[in-house]
PDB file of N, CA and C in Angstrom:
ATOM      1  N   MET A   1      34.880 -34.437 -39.225  1.00  0.00           N
ATOM      2  CA  MET A   1      34.380 -33.962 -38.242  1.00  0.00           C
ATOM      3  C   MET A   1      34.064 -32.300 -38.448  1.00  0.00           C
ATOM      4  N   ARG A   2      32.931 -31.963 -38.404  1.00  0.00           N
ATOM      5  CA  ARG A   2      32.421 -30.533 -38.570  1.00  0.00           C
ATOM      6  C   ARG A   2      33.077 -29.588 -37.694  1.00  0.00           C
ATOM      7  N   ILE A   3      33.546 -30.005 -36.379  1.00  0.00           N
ATOM      8  CA  ILE A   3      33.968 -29.090 -35.444  1.00  0.00           C
ATOM      9  C   ILE A   3      35.437 -28.578 -35.819  1.00  0.00           C
ATOM     10  N   PHE A   4      36.171 -29.391 -36.631  1.00  0.00           N
ATOM     11  CA  PHE A   4      37.447 -28.917 -37.173  1.00  0.00           C
ATOM     12  C   PHE A   4      37.408 -28.209 -38.427  1.00  0.00           C
ATOM     13  N   LYS A   5      36.276 -28.642 -39.285  1.00  0.00           N
ATOM     14  CA  LYS A   5      36.076 -28.056 -40.478  1.00  0.00           C
ATOM     15  C   LYS A   5      35.472 -26.515 -40.536  1.00  0.00           C
ATOM     16  N   PHE A   6      34.541 -26.208 -39.565  1.00  0.00           N
ATOM     17  CA  PHE A   6      33.881 -24.993 -39.529  1.00  0.00           C
ATOM     18  C   PHE A   6      34.203 -24.355 -38.324  1.00  0.00           C
ATOM     19  N   SER A   7      33.768 -24.857 -37.002  1.00  0.00           N
ATOM     20  CA  SER A   7      33.717 -24.154 -35.863  1.00  0.00           C
ATOM     21  C   SER A   7      35.124 -23.473 -35.286  1.00  0.00           C
ATOM     22  N   ILE A   8      36.111 -24.220 -35.450  1.00  0.00           N
ATOM     23  CA  ILE A   8      37.337 -23.610 -35.028  1.00  0.00           C
ATOM     24  C   ILE A   8      37.784 -22.640 -35.967  1.00  0.00           C
ATOM     25  N   PRO A   9      38.008 -22.800 -37.208  1.00  0.00           N
ATOM     26  CA  PRO A   9      38.493 -21.701 -38.074  1.00  0.00           C
ATOM     27  C   PRO A   9      37.728 -20.530 -37.866  1.00  0.00           C
ATOM     28  N   ILE A  10      36.278 -20.736 -37.727  1.00  0.00           N
ATOM     29  CA  ILE A  10      35.373 -19.402 -37.589  1.00  0.00           C
ATOM     30  C   ILE A  10      35.780 -18.686 -36.218  1.00  0.00           C
ATOM     31  N   ALA A  11      35.948 -19.487 -35.185  1.00  0.00           N
ATOM     32  CA  ALA A  11      36.176 -18.883 -33.945  1.00  0.00           C
ATOM     33  C   ALA A  11      37.515 -18.469 -33.867  1.00  0.00           C
ATOM     34  N   LEU A  12      38.657 -18.757 -34.756  1.00  0.00           N
ATOM     35  CA  LEU A  12      39.751 -18.169 -34.674  1.00  0.00           C
ATOM     36  C   LEU A  12      39.783 -16.799 -35.570  1.00  0.00           C
ATOM     37  N   LEU A  13      38.885 -16.801 -36.498  1.00  0.00           N
ATOM     38  CA  LEU A  13      38.790 -15.473 -37.253  1.00  0.00           C
ATOM     39  C   LEU A  13      37.939 -14.592 -36.554  1.00  0.00           C
ATOM     40  N   VAL A  14      37.063 -14.974 -35.791  1.00  0.00           N
ATOM     41  CA  VAL A  14      36.239 -13.856 -34.895  1.00  0.00           C
ATOM     42  C   VAL A  14      37.277 -13.411 -33.967  1.00  0.00           C
ATOM     43  N   ALA A  15      37.939 -14.350 -33.384  1.00  0.00           N
ATOM     44  CA  ALA A  15      38.998 -13.866 -32.327  1.00  0.00           C
ATOM     45  C   ALA A  15      39.908 -12.859 -32.729  1.00  0.00           C
ATOM     46  N   GLY A  16      40.457 -13.144 -33.907  1.00  0.00           N
ATOM     47  CA  GLY A  16      41.641 -12.160 -34.557  1.00  0.00           C
ATOM     48  C   GLY A  16      40.985 -10.882 -34.900  1.00  0.00           C
ATOM     49  N   ILE A  17      39.724 -10.917 -35.584  1.00  0.00           N
ATOM     50  CA  ILE A  17      39.041  -9.790 -35.959  1.00  0.00           C
ATOM     51  C   ILE A  17      38.526  -8.736 -34.686  1.00  0.00           C
ATOM     52  N   SER A  18      38.107  -9.515 -33.629  1.00  0.00           N
ATOM     53  CA  SER A  18      37.700  -8.858 -32.543  1.00  0.00           C
ATOM     54  C   SER A  18      39.001  -8.230 -31.778  1.00  0.00           C
ATOM     55  N   TRP A  19      39.965  -8.903 -31.780  1.00  0.00           N
ATOM     56  CA  TRP A  19      41.085  -8.354 -31.071  1.00  0.00           C
ATOM     57  C   TRP A  19      41.539  -7.182 -32.000  1.00  0.00           C
ATOM     58  N   TYR A  20      41.470  -7.210 -33.246  1.00  0.00           N
ATOM     59  CA  TYR A  20      42.028  -6.056 -34.049  1.00  0.00           C
ATOM     60  C   TYR A  20      41.115  -4.918 -33.879  1.00  0.00           C
ATOM     61  N   MET A  21      39.757  -5.059 -34.048  1.00  0.00           N
ATOM     62  CA  MET A  21      38.919  -4.000 -33.869  1.00  0.00           C
ATOM     63  C   MET A  21      39.028  -3.316 -32.436  1.00  0.00           C
ATOM     64  N   LEU A  22      39.093  -4.118 -31.528  1.00  0.00           N
ATOM     65  CA  LEU A  22      39.286  -3.609 -30.140  1.00  0.00           C
ATOM     66  C   LEU A  22      40.533  -2.698 -29.889  1.00  0.00           C
ATOM     67  N   HIS A  23      41.545  -3.297 -30.517  1.00  0.00           N
ATOM     68  CA  HIS A  23      42.911  -2.624 -30.374  1.00  0.00           C
ATOM     69  C   HIS A  23      43.031  -1.190 -31.407  1.00  0.00           C
ATOM     70  N   ILE A  24      42.096  -1.291 -32.469  1.00  0.00           N
ATOM     71  CA  ILE A  24      42.255  -0.090 -33.319  1.00  0.00           C
ATOM     72  C   ILE A  24      41.263   0.947 -32.693  1.00  0.00           C
ATOM     73  N   ASN A  25      40.048   0.513 -32.441  1.00  0.00           N
ATOM     74  CA  ASN A  25      38.857   1.435 -32.197  1.00  0.00           C
ATOM     75  C   ASN A  25      38.742   1.761 -30.600  1.00  0.00           C
ATOM     76  N   PHE A  26      39.138   0.842 -29.589  1.00  0.00           N
ATOM     77  CA  PHE A  26      38.822   1.023 -28.377  1.00  0.00           C
ATOM     78  C   PHE A  26      40.211   0.909 -27.598  1.00  0.00           C
ATOM     79  N   GLN A  27      41.134   1.657 -27.660  1.00  0.00           N
ATOM     80  CA  GLN A  27      42.347   1.756 -26.945  1.00  0.00           C
ATOM     81  C   GLN A  27      42.162   1.930 -25.522  1.00  0.00           C
ATOM     82  N   GLU A  28      41.107   2.507 -25.073  1.00  0.00           N
ATOM     83  CA  GLU A  28      40.945   3.006 -23.684  1.00  0.00           C
ATOM     84  C   GLU A  28      40.522   1.590 -22.807  1.00  0.00           C
ATOM     85  N   VAL A  29      40.242   0.479 -23.425  1.00  0.00           N
ATOM     86  CA  VAL A  29      39.860  -0.564 -22.749  1.00  0.00           C
ATOM     87  C   VAL A  29      41.057  -1.442 -22.589  1.00  0.00           C
ATOM     88  N   PRO A  30      41.347  -1.811 -21.131  1.00  0.00           N
ATOM     89  CA  PRO A  30      42.508  -2.533 -20.829  1.00  0.00           C
ATOM     90  C   PRO A  30      42.775  -3.810 -21.473  1.00  0.00           C
ATOM     91  N   GLY A  31      43.956  -3.958 -21.711  1.00  0.00           N
ATOM     92  CA  GLY A  31      44.373  -5.259 -22.384  1.00  0.00           C
ATOM     93  C   GLY A  31      43.912  -6.620 -21.983  1.00  0.00           C
ATOM     94  N   THR A  32      43.665  -6.774 -20.563  1.00  0.00           N
ATOM     95  CA  THR A  32      42.900  -8.037 -20.108  1.00  0.00           C
ATOM     96  C   THR A  32      41.810  -8.177 -20.426  1.00  0.00           C
ATOM     97  N   SER A  33      40.884  -6.995 -20.642  1.00  0.00           N
ATOM     98  CA  SER A  33      39.580  -7.094 -20.931  1.00  0.00           C
ATOM     99  C   SER A  33      39.470  -7.298 -22.380  1.00  0.00           C
ATOM    100  N   ARG A  34      40.286  -6.741 -23.066  1.00  0.00           N
ATOM    101  CA  ARG A  34      40.278  -7.099 -24.605  1.00  0.00           C
ATOM    102  C   ARG A  34      40.372  -8.491 -24.856  1.00  0.00           C
ATOM    103  N   VAL A  35      41.356  -9.228 -24.126  1.00  0.00           N
ATOM    104  CA  VAL A  35      41.653 -10.533 -24.265  1.00  0.00           C
ATOM    105  C   VAL A  35      40.352 -11.437 -23.799  1.00  0.00           C
ATOM    106  N   TRP A  36      39.690 -11.025 -22.873  1.00  0.00           N
ATOM    107  CA  TRP A  36      38.457 -11.821 -22.369  1.00  0.00           C
ATOM    108  C   TRP A  36      37.316 -11.577 -23.406  1.00  0.00           C
ATOM    109  N   ILE A  37      37.260 -10.440 -23.988  1.00  0.00           N
ATOM    110  CA  ILE A  37      36.203 -10.180 -24.904  1.00  0.00           C
ATOM    111  C   ILE A  37      36.578 -11.050 -26.125  1.00  0.00           C
ATOM    112  N   SER A  38      37.576 -10.909 -26.498  1.00  0.00           N
ATOM    113  CA  SER A  38      37.946 -11.811 -27.856  1.00  0.00           C
ATOM    114  C   SER A  38      37.760 -13.263 -27.592  1.00  0.00           C
ATOM    115  N   ILE A  39      38.178 -13.835 -26.368  1.00  0.00           N
ATOM    116  CA  ILE A  39      37.865 -15.118 -26.204  1.00  0.00           C
ATOM    117  C   ILE A  39      36.390 -15.419 -26.005  1.00  0.00           C
ATOM    118  N   GLY A  40      35.590 -14.676 -25.383  1.00  0.00           N
ATOM    119  CA  GLY A  40      34.124 -14.701 -25.186  1.00  0.00           C
ATOM    120  C   GLY A  40      33.505 -14.830 -26.691  1.00  0.00           C
ATOM    121  N   ALA A  41      33.940 -13.957 -27.541  1.00  0.00           N
ATOM    122  CA  ALA A  41      33.498 -13.782 -29.023  1.00  0.00           C
ATOM    123  C   ALA A  41      33.678 -15.054 -29.759  1.00  0.00           C
ATOM    124  N   ALA A  42      34.876 -15.465 -29.512  1.00  0.00           N
ATOM    125  CA  ALA A  42      35.479 -16.741 -30.309  1.00  0.00           C
ATOM    126  C   ALA A  42      34.489 -18.139 -29.933  1.00  0.00           C
ATOM    127  N   ILE A  43      34.306 -18.131 -28.569  1.00  0.00           N
ATOM    128  CA  ILE A  43      33.675 -19.415 -28.036  1.00  0.00           C
ATOM    129  C   ILE A  43      32.102 -19.120 -28.412  1.00  0.00           C
ATOM    130  N   LEU A  44      31.633 -18.036 -28.282  1.00  0.00           N
ATOM    131  CA  LEU A  44      30.287 -17.924 -28.591  1.00  0.00           C
ATOM    132  C   LEU A  44      30.053 -18.174 -30.166  1.00  0.00           C
ATOM    133  N   SER A  45      30.894 -17.573 -31.115  1.00  0.00           N
ATOM    134  CA  SER A  45      30.838 -17.895 -32.575  1.00  0.00           C
ATOM    135  C   SER A  45      31.065 -19.304 -32.803  1.00  0.00           C
ATOM    136  N   GLY A  46      31.994 -19.822 -32.231  1.00  0.00           N
ATOM    137  CA  GLY A  46      32.267 -21.411 -32.405  1.00  0.00           C
ATOM    138  C   GLY A  46      31.200 -22.120 -32.167  1.00  0.00           C
ATOM    139  N   THR A  47      30.578 -22.011 -30.905  1.00  0.00           N
ATOM    140  CA  THR A  47      29.161 -22.649 -30.481  1.00  0.00           C
ATOM    141  C   THR A  47      28.211 -22.470 -31.446  1.00  0.00           C
ATOM    142  N   ILE A  48      27.890 -21.128 -31.806  1.00  0.00           N
ATOM    143  CA  ILE A  48      26.790 -20.969 -32.746  1.00  0.00           C
ATOM    144  C   ILE A  48      27.158 -21.635 -34.084  1.00  0.00           C
ATOM    145  N   SER A  49      28.096 -21.616 -34.739  1.00  0.00           N
ATOM    146  CA  SER A  49      28.701 -22.250 -35.826  1.00  0.00           C
ATOM    147  C   SER A  49      28.589 -23.706 -35.901  1.00  0.00           C
ATOM    148  N   TYR A  50      28.837 -24.419 -34.632  1.00  0.00           N
ATOM    149  CA  TYR A  50      28.705 -25.802 -34.482  1.00  0.00           C
ATOM    150  C   TYR A  50      27.421 -26.282 -34.672  1.00  0.00           C
ATOM    151  N   PHE A  51      26.442 -25.521 -34.312  1.00  0.00           N
ATOM    152  CA  PHE A  51      24.905 -25.910 -34.181  1.00  0.00           C
ATOM    153  C   PHE A  51      24.336 -25.504 -35.544  1.00  0.00           C
ATOM    154  N   LEU A  52      24.804 -24.455 -36.117  1.00  0.00           N
ATOM    155  CA  LEU A  52      23.982 -23.784 -37.376  1.00  0.00           C
ATOM    156  C   LEU A  52      24.393 -24.765 -38.639  1.00  0.00           C
ATOM    157  N   PHE A  53      25.891 -25.238 -38.780  1.00  0.00           N
ATOM    158  CA  PHE A  53      26.245 -25.783 -39.984  1.00  0.00           C
ATOM    159  C   PHE A  53      25.643 -27.272 -39.958  1.00  0.00           C
ATOM    160  N   PRO A  54      25.503 -27.920 -41.179  1.00  0.00           N
ATOM    161  CA  PRO A  54      24.876 -29.164 -41.199  1.00  0.00           C
ATOM    162  C   PRO A  54      25.836 -30.277 -40.677  1.00  0.00           C
ATOM    163  N   LYS A  55      25.314 -31.133 -40.279  1.00  0.00           N
ATOM    164  CA  LYS A  55      26.253 -32.406 -39.579  1.00  0.00           C
ATOM    165  C   LYS A  55      27.001 -33.248 -40.603  1.00  0.00           C
ATOM    166  N   SER A  56      26.569 -33.102 -41.704  1.00  0.00           N
ATOM    167  CA  SER A  56      27.292 -33.930 -42.823  1.00  0.00           C
ATOM    168  C   SER A  56      26.856 -33.538 -44.315  1.00  0.00           C
ATOM    169  N   GLU A  57      27.738 -33.074 -44.845  1.00  0.00           N
ATOM    170  CA  GLU A  57      27.756 -32.701 -46.235  1.00  0.00           C
ATOM    171  C   GLU A  57      27.634 -33.589 -47.307  1.00  0.00           C
ATOM    172  N   ASP A  58      27.741 -34.925 -46.821  1.00  0.00           N
ATOM    173  CA  ASP A  58      27.636 -35.949 -47.757  1.00  0.00           C
ATOM    174  C   ASP A  58      26.174 -36.571 -48.164  1.00  0.00           C
ATOM    175  N   LYS A  59      25.438 -36.322 -47.191  1.00  0.00           N
ATOM    176  CA  LYS A  59      24.065 -36.724 -47.373  1.00  0.00           C
ATOM    177  C   LYS A  59      23.244 -36.019 -48.599  1.00  0.00           C
ATOM    178  N   GLU A  60      22.515 -36.648 -49.332  1.00  0.00           N
ATOM    179  CA  GLU A  60      21.827 -35.864 -50.328  1.00  0.00           C
ATOM    180  C   GLU A  60      20.412 -36.419 -50.347  1.00  0.00           C
TER     181      GLU A  60
END
């Protein structure tokens, strides 16, 4: 299943990086807003990666 192979790891990676960047560079943003921004980034990147990666790598 490609959702477990590509989409979820990419979404988690984007969530972690976005949280880190918001925490380091934009400390004036409230904590709850940082959480919502990170969740939105994770969902958006997971959805995009789900549709952009191939459905099956076994086909030749």
